[in-house]
Amino acid sequence: MNIVQITPSAGDSFYCENCLRDAALVKAMIELEHEVLMVPLYLPLSLGEPPEQNMSPIFFGGLNVYLQQKLSLFRKTPRWLDRVFDSPRLLKLIGKMAGMTSARDLGETTLSMLRGEEGKQIKELNRLVDWLQTQDNRPDIICLSNILLIGMARTIRKRLGVPVVCLLQDEDGFLDGLPAPYSEKAWRTIAERAKDVDAFIAVSKYYADAMQKRIGFSSEKVHVVYTGISLDGYALPDAGPEVPTIGFLSQMCPVKGLDTLIDAFIKLKKTEKLSDARLRLTGGRGAGDRAFVEKNRRKVDSCGLTNDVEFLPDFDASSKLAFLRSLSVLSVPEKQPVAYGLYVLEALAAGVPVVQPASGVFPELLDMIGGGVLCEPNNSDALAKAIEGLLLDPDRAREMAKKGREAVLEKFDIRQTAAEMIRTYEKIAE
């Protein structure tokens, strides 16, 4: 099958599930001998990217998108000038300052992108479709990484004459976080544009149901394909860490519950049996997360726990396995219900049990694979108690993680995900 995967990049400064998911899927589909082209948007993509011959140039460069939104002049500039602003080096620099965009600018640009050919980035949309038309092999299907790209679907289908599918994963948090009136307008525009998409593919049943209720598309139009991970390099550790060690693996931002975990850790340190426990935090941060991280670092210092809590540098995918092997338990206490949690699969593949809130996908996911316990969301006392139960009973934690690992190996290999995705694509393209 000939597939085009269109994926926005977060700039790779933090753990972005959507970027990691798309890159792993593209690699696995290529290994299954399908023709797959990955089209990055906004910023350079490097974390786990597929081979160079399967990557297109960057489209909708972040700086051009911004300038075309703010100034009509840049909607008419020649391509040679646009190329200057699409320089990967310049875009990487811009990516580090992404958090400086105002809420109003973000809302207006989101709406414009959702409106596609009626938006202010029409020049970028036409350039993308023009380029796709010049490729030797006509795609059998085009996949949009998330519903925020739905504005492209109408033009793509009209000009290329191929089906367009859209993946669904955690867009609701971003859309609900837009200021008024942009959030309501964005949801309304998405509902109107949903008819331009041939099918939606959600990463969990929970999220398929949630988005179906929010947008109103028919159940026949949505499919569920659980995302797996590449299992290369994962193995059960010979032994756990010498001291009880709790880990956090996600973007270091408020919604991921970093502060909730730190509060739970402070409570645990007050118990005699866990006074030697340690906390390790990784996943990187966006420009807008720095103040939040520093605030929590100061809280740790004020409690005299500076030497017990490790804020690791910017997220580095190559060191992820070593990080996981250093843990006794992993927890990312998400504050809002989420569509998925790749870090759960990654931890269990490494033989590390998890503690997660009983919300969103986690009851569904842990029911399928085990390997962890649930606790009341947004409750640091409940989180501390659940983590304490595993740390004080290492035999139970080890057995739990072993069963979870076996389930991940059996059900969540990325190659299985890729094969199921291809079957779904073929059904849609019939």
Protein backbone atom coordinates (compact mmCIF):
# COMPACT_ATOMS: atom_id res chain seq x y z
CA MET A 1 0.00 0.00 0.00
CA ASN A 2 1.19 3.56 -0.71
CA ILE A 3 0.59 5.75 2.36
CA VAL A 4 1.24 9.40 3.16
CA GLN A 5 1.49 10.19 6.89
CA ILE A 6 1.15 13.90 7.72
CA THR A 7 2.54 14.63 11.19
CA PRO A 8 3.05 17.92 13.05
CA SER A 9 6.27 18.08 15.06
CA ALA A 10 6.49 19.37 18.62
CA GLY A 11 10.14 20.24 18.03
CA ASP A 12 11.36 17.17 19.94
CA SER A 13 12.19 19.08 23.12
CA PHE A 14 9.85 16.88 25.15
CA TYR A 15 8.13 13.49 25.21
CA CYS A 16 5.39 13.82 22.57
CA GLU A 17 3.28 10.66 22.27
CA ASN A 18 1.83 11.58 18.89
CA CYS A 19 5.25 12.19 17.31
CA LEU A 20 6.68 8.99 18.78
CA ARG A 21 3.58 7.01 17.73
CA ASP A 22 3.66 8.22 14.13
CA ALA A 23 7.40 7.68 13.67
CA ALA A 24 7.22 4.15 15.10
CA LEU A 25 4.21 3.29 12.93
CA VAL A 26 5.85 4.56 9.76
CA LYS A 27 8.99 2.51 10.48
CA ALA A 28 6.94 -0.62 11.15
CA MET A 29 4.87 -0.19 7.98
CA ILE A 30 8.06 0.20 5.94
CA GLU A 31 9.35 -3.05 7.48
CA LEU A 32 6.10 -4.68 6.29
CA GLU A 33 7.15 -3.58 2.77
CA HIS A 34 4.60 -0.82 2.28
CA GLU A 35 5.48 2.50 0.64
CA VAL A 36 5.16 5.16 3.35
CA LEU A 37 6.06 8.82 3.14
CA MET A 38 6.15 10.91 6.32
CA VAL A 39 5.38 14.61 5.88
CA PRO A 40 6.49 16.74 8.87
CA LEU A 41 4.70 20.01 9.62
CA TYR A 42 5.72 23.16 11.52
CA LEU A 43 9.11 22.10 12.99
CA PRO A 44 11.89 19.57 12.25
CA LEU A 45 11.18 16.04 13.43
CA SER A 46 14.05 13.91 14.66
CA LEU A 47 12.93 11.66 17.53
CA GLY A 48 12.68 8.16 16.11
CA GLU A 49 12.22 9.47 12.57
CA PRO A 50 12.03 6.99 9.66
CA PRO A 51 14.78 6.70 6.99
CA GLU A 52 15.62 9.91 5.12
CA GLN A 53 14.20 8.60 1.83
CA ASN A 54 10.82 8.25 3.56
CA MET A 55 10.74 11.86 4.78
CA SER A 56 9.47 14.83 2.81
CA PRO A 57 10.60 18.45 3.24
CA ILE A 58 8.90 20.41 6.03
CA PHE A 59 5.54 21.94 5.09
CA PHE A 60 3.57 24.62 6.95
CA GLY A 61 6.85 25.83 8.49
CA GLY A 62 6.06 27.32 11.88
CA LEU A 63 7.39 30.78 11.08
CA ASN A 64 5.57 30.99 7.74
CA VAL A 65 2.34 29.86 9.40
CA TYR A 66 2.71 32.61 12.01
CA LEU A 67 3.64 35.36 9.53
CA GLN A 68 0.80 34.44 7.15
CA GLN A 69 -1.59 34.56 10.07
CA LYS A 70 -0.48 38.01 11.21
CA LEU A 71 0.36 39.84 7.97
CA SER A 72 -1.41 39.61 4.60
CA LEU A 73 1.86 40.48 2.83
CA PHE A 74 3.30 37.05 3.69
CA ARG A 75 0.34 35.28 2.07
CA LYS A 76 1.69 36.47 -1.29
CA THR A 77 5.48 36.23 -0.87
CA PRO A 78 7.54 34.24 -3.44
CA ARG A 79 8.70 30.73 -2.60
CA TRP A 80 12.38 31.73 -2.40
CA LEU A 81 11.56 33.95 0.57
CA ASP A 82 9.39 31.30 2.21
CA ARG A 83 12.33 28.89 1.99
CA VAL A 84 14.42 31.26 4.10
CA PHE A 85 11.81 31.04 6.89
CA ASP A 86 11.58 27.24 6.45
CA SER A 87 15.27 26.74 7.29
CA PRO A 88 15.47 23.77 9.72
CA ARG A 89 18.05 25.61 11.84
CA LEU A 90 15.79 28.65 12.15
CA LEU A 91 12.74 26.49 12.87
CA LYS A 92 14.56 24.66 15.66
CA LEU A 93 15.31 28.03 17.25
CA ILE A 94 11.68 29.10 16.85
CA GLY A 95 10.57 25.81 18.42
CA LYS A 96 12.40 26.65 21.62
CA MET A 97 10.37 29.86 21.88
CA ALA A 98 7.00 28.26 21.05
CA GLY A 99 5.64 28.98 24.53
CA MET A 100 5.89 32.72 23.83
CA THR A 101 2.85 32.63 21.52
CA SER A 102 -0.11 34.41 23.11
CA ALA A 103 -3.35 32.55 23.83
CA ARG A 104 -5.19 34.79 21.38
CA ASP A 105 -2.64 34.15 18.59
CA LEU A 106 -2.84 30.42 19.26
CA GLY A 107 -6.65 30.48 19.09
CA GLU A 108 -6.74 32.48 15.88
CA THR A 109 -4.12 30.33 14.17
CA THR A 110 -5.85 27.10 15.23
CA LEU A 111 -9.13 28.33 13.74
CA SER A 112 -7.42 29.40 10.55
CA MET A 113 -5.76 25.99 10.12
CA LEU A 114 -9.07 24.21 10.79
CA ARG A 115 -10.68 26.26 8.02
CA GLY A 116 -8.22 24.92 5.46
CA GLU A 117 -8.77 26.49 2.04
CA GLU A 118 -10.75 29.26 3.74
CA GLY A 119 -7.92 30.01 6.19
CA LYS A 120 -4.94 32.32 6.01
CA GLN A 121 -2.47 29.49 5.32
CA ILE A 122 -4.04 28.55 1.96
CA LYS A 123 -0.69 29.14 0.23
CA GLU A 124 0.90 26.47 2.43
CA LEU A 125 -1.95 24.03 1.82
CA ASN A 126 -1.69 24.45 -1.94
CA ARG A 127 2.09 23.99 -1.81
CA LEU A 128 1.67 20.70 0.07
CA VAL A 129 -0.94 19.33 -2.35
CA ASP A 130 1.02 20.56 -5.39
CA TRP A 131 4.08 18.70 -4.09
CA LEU A 132 2.12 15.51 -3.43
CA GLN A 133 0.80 15.64 -7.00
CA THR A 134 4.36 15.64 -8.36
CA GLN A 135 5.30 12.38 -6.63
CA ASP A 136 5.76 9.33 -8.84
CA ASN A 137 3.39 7.09 -6.91
CA ARG A 138 -0.14 8.25 -6.26
CA PRO A 139 -0.98 7.51 -2.59
CA ASP A 140 -3.69 4.97 -1.82
CA ILE A 141 -4.56 6.81 1.38
CA ILE A 142 -3.50 9.91 3.32
CA CYS A 143 -3.42 9.90 7.12
CA LEU A 144 -3.69 13.05 9.21
CA SER A 145 -1.98 12.67 12.58
CA ASN A 146 -4.70 14.46 14.55
CA ILE A 147 -8.00 16.25 14.17
CA LEU A 148 -6.36 19.69 14.30
CA LEU A 149 -5.30 19.00 10.68
CA ILE A 150 -8.84 18.30 9.51
CA GLY A 151 -8.93 21.56 7.51
CA MET A 152 -6.63 19.93 4.92
CA ALA A 153 -8.96 17.04 4.15
CA ARG A 154 -11.34 18.75 1.73
CA THR A 155 -8.62 20.07 -0.58
CA ILE A 156 -6.64 16.82 -0.44
CA ARG A 157 -9.64 14.69 -1.35
CA LYS A 158 -10.77 17.06 -4.12
CA ARG A 159 -7.40 17.43 -5.81
CA LEU A 160 -5.80 14.02 -5.20
CA GLY A 161 -8.95 11.92 -5.28
CA VAL A 162 -7.83 9.62 -2.45
CA PRO A 163 -9.39 8.77 0.92
CA VAL A 164 -8.30 10.74 3.97
CA VAL A 165 -8.24 9.23 7.46
CA CYS A 166 -7.61 11.05 10.72
CA LEU A 167 -6.06 9.66 13.89
CA LEU A 168 -7.57 10.66 17.22
CA GLN A 169 -5.47 11.10 20.37
CA ASP A 170 -5.90 13.74 23.08
CA GLU A 171 -6.90 16.68 20.89
CA ASP A 172 -9.72 17.57 23.31
CA GLY A 173 -7.30 18.81 25.96
CA PHE A 174 -5.73 21.30 23.56
CA LEU A 175 -9.07 22.44 22.13
CA ASP A 176 -10.73 22.86 25.53
CA GLY A 177 -7.68 24.83 26.66
CA LEU A 178 -8.11 27.51 23.99
CA PRO A 179 -9.52 30.79 25.34
CA ALA A 180 -13.08 31.89 24.60
CA PRO A 181 -14.47 32.18 22.00
CA TYR A 182 -11.86 30.15 20.09
CA SER A 183 -12.50 26.82 21.82
CA GLU A 184 -16.21 26.77 20.97
CA LYS A 185 -15.56 27.96 17.40
CA ALA A 186 -12.86 25.32 16.92
CA TRP A 187 -15.14 22.48 18.05
CA ARG A 188 -17.91 23.77 15.79
CA THR A 189 -15.56 23.98 12.80
CA ILE A 190 -14.31 20.45 13.41
CA ALA A 191 -17.87 19.13 13.52
CA GLU A 192 -18.57 20.83 10.19
CA ARG A 193 -15.35 19.53 8.61
CA ALA A 194 -15.75 15.94 9.87
CA LYS A 195 -17.70 15.10 6.69
CA ASP A 196 -14.51 15.73 4.68
CA VAL A 197 -12.78 12.76 6.37
CA ASP A 198 -13.44 9.19 5.23
CA ALA A 199 -12.73 7.61 8.63
CA PHE A 200 -11.35 8.32 12.09
CA ILE A 201 -8.99 5.95 13.89
CA ALA A 202 -8.85 6.33 17.69
CA VAL A 203 -6.11 4.90 19.90
CA SER A 204 -8.57 3.53 22.48
CA LYS A 205 -12.24 2.69 22.87
CA TYR A 206 -12.50 5.31 25.61
CA TYR A 207 -11.34 8.05 23.26
CA ALA A 208 -13.39 6.84 20.30
CA ASP A 209 -16.51 7.13 22.45
CA ALA A 210 -15.46 10.50 23.90
CA MET A 211 -14.80 12.10 20.50
CA GLN A 212 -17.89 10.58 18.94
CA LYS A 213 -19.97 12.32 21.62
CA ARG A 214 -18.11 15.63 21.18
CA ILE A 215 -18.18 15.75 17.38
CA GLY A 216 -21.23 13.68 16.51
CA PHE A 217 -19.87 11.50 13.68
CA SER A 218 -21.47 8.08 13.18
CA SER A 219 -20.06 5.00 14.89
CA GLU A 220 -19.48 3.40 11.46
CA LYS A 221 -16.97 6.13 10.70
CA VAL A 222 -14.66 5.45 13.67
CA HIS A 223 -12.26 2.56 14.20
CA VAL A 224 -10.06 1.66 17.18
CA VAL A 225 -6.43 0.58 16.74
CA TYR A 226 -4.39 0.37 19.96
CA THR A 227 -0.89 1.76 19.56
CA GLY A 228 2.03 -0.52 20.36
CA ILE A 229 5.72 0.19 20.88
CA SER A 230 8.95 -1.04 19.37
CA LEU A 231 10.16 -3.76 21.74
CA ASP A 232 13.79 -3.64 20.61
CA GLY A 233 16.14 -3.48 23.58
CA TYR A 234 13.53 -4.11 26.29
CA ALA A 235 14.32 -6.86 28.80
CA LEU A 236 13.48 -7.79 32.37
CA PRO A 237 16.10 -6.40 34.77
CA ASP A 238 18.20 -8.88 36.74
CA ALA A 239 17.36 -6.94 39.88
CA GLY A 240 15.59 -3.75 40.87
CA PRO A 241 17.38 -0.58 42.01
CA GLU A 242 19.14 -0.67 45.38
CA VAL A 243 16.85 2.03 46.79
CA PRO A 244 13.12 2.42 46.02
CA THR A 245 12.95 4.70 42.98
CA ILE A 246 9.84 6.32 41.51
CA GLY A 247 9.90 7.60 37.95
CA PHE A 248 7.98 10.12 35.82
CA LEU A 249 8.17 9.96 32.00
CA SER A 250 6.21 12.64 30.15
CA GLN A 251 6.26 16.33 29.38
CA MET A 252 6.99 18.25 32.58
CA CYS A 253 3.85 20.36 32.56
CA PRO A 254 0.91 20.91 34.92
CA VAL A 255 -1.64 18.73 33.11
CA LYS A 256 0.62 15.66 33.33
CA GLY A 257 0.56 15.81 37.13
CA LEU A 258 4.25 16.34 37.86
CA ASP A 259 3.33 18.46 40.90
CA THR A 260 0.88 15.81 42.14
CA LEU A 261 3.64 13.20 42.03
CA ILE A 262 6.06 15.48 43.85
CA ASP A 263 3.47 16.08 46.58
CA ALA A 264 2.94 12.32 46.90
CA PHE A 265 6.72 11.79 47.10
CA ILE A 266 7.06 14.35 49.89
CA LYS A 267 4.41 12.42 51.85
CA LEU A 268 6.21 9.11 51.24
CA LYS A 269 9.51 10.51 52.48
CA LYS A 270 7.89 11.19 55.85
CA THR A 271 7.26 7.46 56.37
CA GLU A 272 10.06 5.63 58.14
CA LYS A 273 10.14 2.64 55.77
CA LEU A 274 10.54 4.80 52.65
CA SER A 275 12.79 7.54 53.98
CA ASP A 276 15.49 6.50 51.48
CA ALA A 277 13.19 6.61 48.41
CA ARG A 278 14.20 8.58 45.34
CA LEU A 279 12.30 10.32 42.56
CA ARG A 280 13.56 10.65 38.96
CA LEU A 281 11.79 12.93 36.46
CA THR A 282 12.28 13.04 32.70
CA GLY A 283 10.34 13.88 29.56
CA GLY A 284 11.57 17.37 28.78
CA ARG A 285 9.58 20.58 28.76
CA GLY A 286 8.24 23.20 26.40
CA ALA A 287 9.19 26.87 26.65
CA GLY A 288 6.01 27.57 28.61
CA ASP A 289 6.77 24.87 31.20
CA ARG A 290 9.97 26.34 32.63
CA ALA A 291 8.36 28.42 35.36
CA PHE A 292 6.25 25.45 36.46
CA VAL A 293 9.28 23.16 36.66
CA GLU A 294 11.30 25.73 38.60
CA LYS A 295 8.43 26.24 41.05
CA ASN A 296 8.38 22.51 41.79
CA ARG A 297 12.16 22.38 42.03
CA ARG A 298 11.97 25.09 44.70
CA LYS A 299 9.30 23.10 46.56
CA VAL A 300 11.59 20.06 46.61
CA ASP A 301 14.49 22.20 47.87
CA SER A 302 12.35 23.78 50.59
CA CYS A 303 11.51 20.30 51.91
CA GLY A 304 15.19 19.38 52.12
CA LEU A 305 14.87 16.76 49.36
CA THR A 306 17.25 18.26 46.81
CA ASN A 307 19.47 15.16 46.76
CA ASP A 308 16.51 12.77 46.53
CA VAL A 309 14.79 14.24 43.45
CA GLU A 310 16.48 14.28 40.06
CA PHE A 311 15.18 16.58 37.31
CA LEU A 312 16.84 15.09 34.24
CA PRO A 313 17.87 17.29 31.29
CA ASP A 314 15.88 17.68 28.07
CA PHE A 315 14.24 14.45 26.95
CA ASP A 316 16.54 12.11 25.06
CA ALA A 317 14.85 9.05 23.52
CA SER A 318 18.16 7.17 23.33
CA SER A 319 18.52 7.17 27.14
CA LYS A 320 14.91 6.14 27.82
CA LEU A 321 15.69 2.44 28.37
CA ALA A 322 18.43 3.21 30.88
CA PHE A 323 16.04 5.53 32.72
CA LEU A 324 13.33 2.86 32.93
CA ARG A 325 15.80 0.25 34.19
CA SER A 326 16.61 2.55 37.12
CA LEU A 327 13.02 2.53 38.45
CA SER A 328 10.99 0.53 40.96
CA VAL A 329 7.68 2.03 39.79
CA LEU A 330 6.52 4.62 37.25
CA SER A 331 3.65 7.07 37.59
CA VAL A 332 2.34 9.87 35.38
CA PRO A 333 -0.69 11.08 37.36
CA GLU A 334 -2.53 12.84 34.52
CA LYS A 335 -4.90 15.52 35.80
CA GLN A 336 -7.36 15.15 32.91
CA PRO A 337 -8.63 11.93 31.30
CA VAL A 338 -6.31 11.00 28.43
CA ALA A 339 -6.69 8.90 25.29
CA TYR A 340 -3.58 6.78 25.78
CA GLY A 341 -0.35 6.33 27.72
CA LEU A 342 2.59 4.96 25.75
CA TYR A 343 4.76 5.33 28.85
CA VAL A 344 2.67 2.60 30.52
CA LEU A 345 3.61 0.14 27.78
CA GLU A 346 7.24 1.27 27.84
CA ALA A 347 7.53 0.86 31.62
CA LEU A 348 5.96 -2.60 31.61
CA ALA A 349 8.11 -3.74 28.68
CA ALA A 350 11.08 -2.82 30.89
CA GLY A 351 9.63 -4.75 33.85
CA VAL A 352 8.49 -1.69 35.81
CA PRO A 353 4.96 -1.62 37.33
CA VAL A 354 2.84 1.53 37.07
CA VAL A 355 0.44 3.55 39.22
CA GLN A 356 -2.06 5.58 37.23
CA PRO A 357 -5.27 7.55 37.87
CA ALA A 358 -8.56 5.68 37.41
CA SER A 359 -9.63 7.92 34.54
CA GLY A 360 -9.52 8.09 30.76
CA VAL A 361 -7.84 5.13 29.08
CA PHE A 362 -6.10 3.69 32.13
CA PRO A 363 -8.90 1.42 33.43
CA GLU A 364 -9.29 0.10 29.88
CA LEU A 365 -5.55 -0.34 29.31
CA LEU A 366 -4.71 -1.96 32.65
CA ASP A 367 -7.72 -4.27 32.30
CA MET A 368 -6.13 -5.52 29.06
CA ILE A 369 -2.56 -5.91 30.31
CA GLY A 370 -2.45 -5.67 34.09
CA GLY A 371 0.92 -4.55 35.36
CA GLY A 372 -0.24 -1.75 37.59
CA VAL A 373 -2.74 -0.29 40.01
CA LEU A 374 -5.24 2.55 39.73
CA CYS A 375 -5.88 5.31 42.24
CA GLU A 376 -8.22 8.24 42.66
CA PRO A 377 -7.32 11.03 40.19
CA ASN A 378 -5.90 14.35 41.42
CA ASN A 379 -5.34 13.04 44.95
CA SER A 380 -1.75 13.02 46.15
CA ASP A 381 -2.69 11.06 49.30
CA ALA A 382 -4.26 8.27 47.23
CA LEU A 383 -1.29 8.30 44.87
CA ALA A 384 1.20 8.07 47.73
CA LYS A 385 -0.70 5.16 49.26
CA ALA A 386 -0.82 3.24 45.96
CA ILE A 387 2.90 3.76 45.29
CA GLU A 388 3.74 2.84 48.89
CA GLY A 389 1.86 -0.46 48.49
CA LEU A 390 4.10 -1.47 45.59
CA LEU A 391 7.38 -0.22 47.05
CA LEU A 392 6.82 -2.06 50.34
CA ASP A 393 5.88 -5.31 48.61
CA PRO A 394 8.56 -5.77 45.93
CA ASP A 395 7.61 -9.41 45.27
CA ARG A 396 4.05 -8.37 44.39
CA ALA A 397 5.34 -5.47 42.28
CA ARG A 398 7.77 -7.76 40.44
CA GLU A 399 5.09 -10.35 39.68
CA MET A 400 2.68 -7.65 38.56
CA ALA A 401 5.26 -6.15 36.22
CA LYS A 402 6.17 -9.59 34.82
CA LYS A 403 2.55 -10.31 33.87
CA GLY A 404 2.20 -6.83 32.40
CA ARG A 405 5.35 -7.29 30.35
CA GLU A 406 4.08 -10.62 28.98
CA ALA A 407 0.83 -8.94 27.91
CA VAL A 408 2.70 -6.07 26.23
CA LEU A 409 4.92 -8.51 24.33
CA GLU A 410 1.86 -10.47 23.22
CA LYS A 411 -0.50 -7.63 22.31
CA PHE A 412 1.38 -4.37 21.87
CA ASP A 413 4.29 -4.92 19.50
CA ILE A 414 4.32 -1.96 17.07
CA ARG A 415 4.47 -4.43 14.18
CA GLN A 416 1.05 -5.77 15.23
CA THR A 417 -0.25 -2.20 15.36
CA ALA A 418 1.12 -1.50 11.88
CA ALA A 419 -0.48 -4.65 10.44
CA GLU A 420 -3.84 -3.77 12.01
CA MET A 421 -3.56 -0.20 10.73
CA ILE A 422 -2.89 -1.49 7.20
CA ARG A 423 -5.93 -3.78 7.40
CA THR A 424 -8.02 -0.78 8.47
CA TYR A 425 -6.61 1.37 5.68
CA GLU A 426 -7.38 -1.31 3.09
CA LYS A 427 -10.95 -1.57 4.31
CA ILE A 428 -11.39 2.22 4.10
CA ALA A 429 -9.79 2.43 0.63
CA GLU A 430 -12.00 -0.30 -0.89
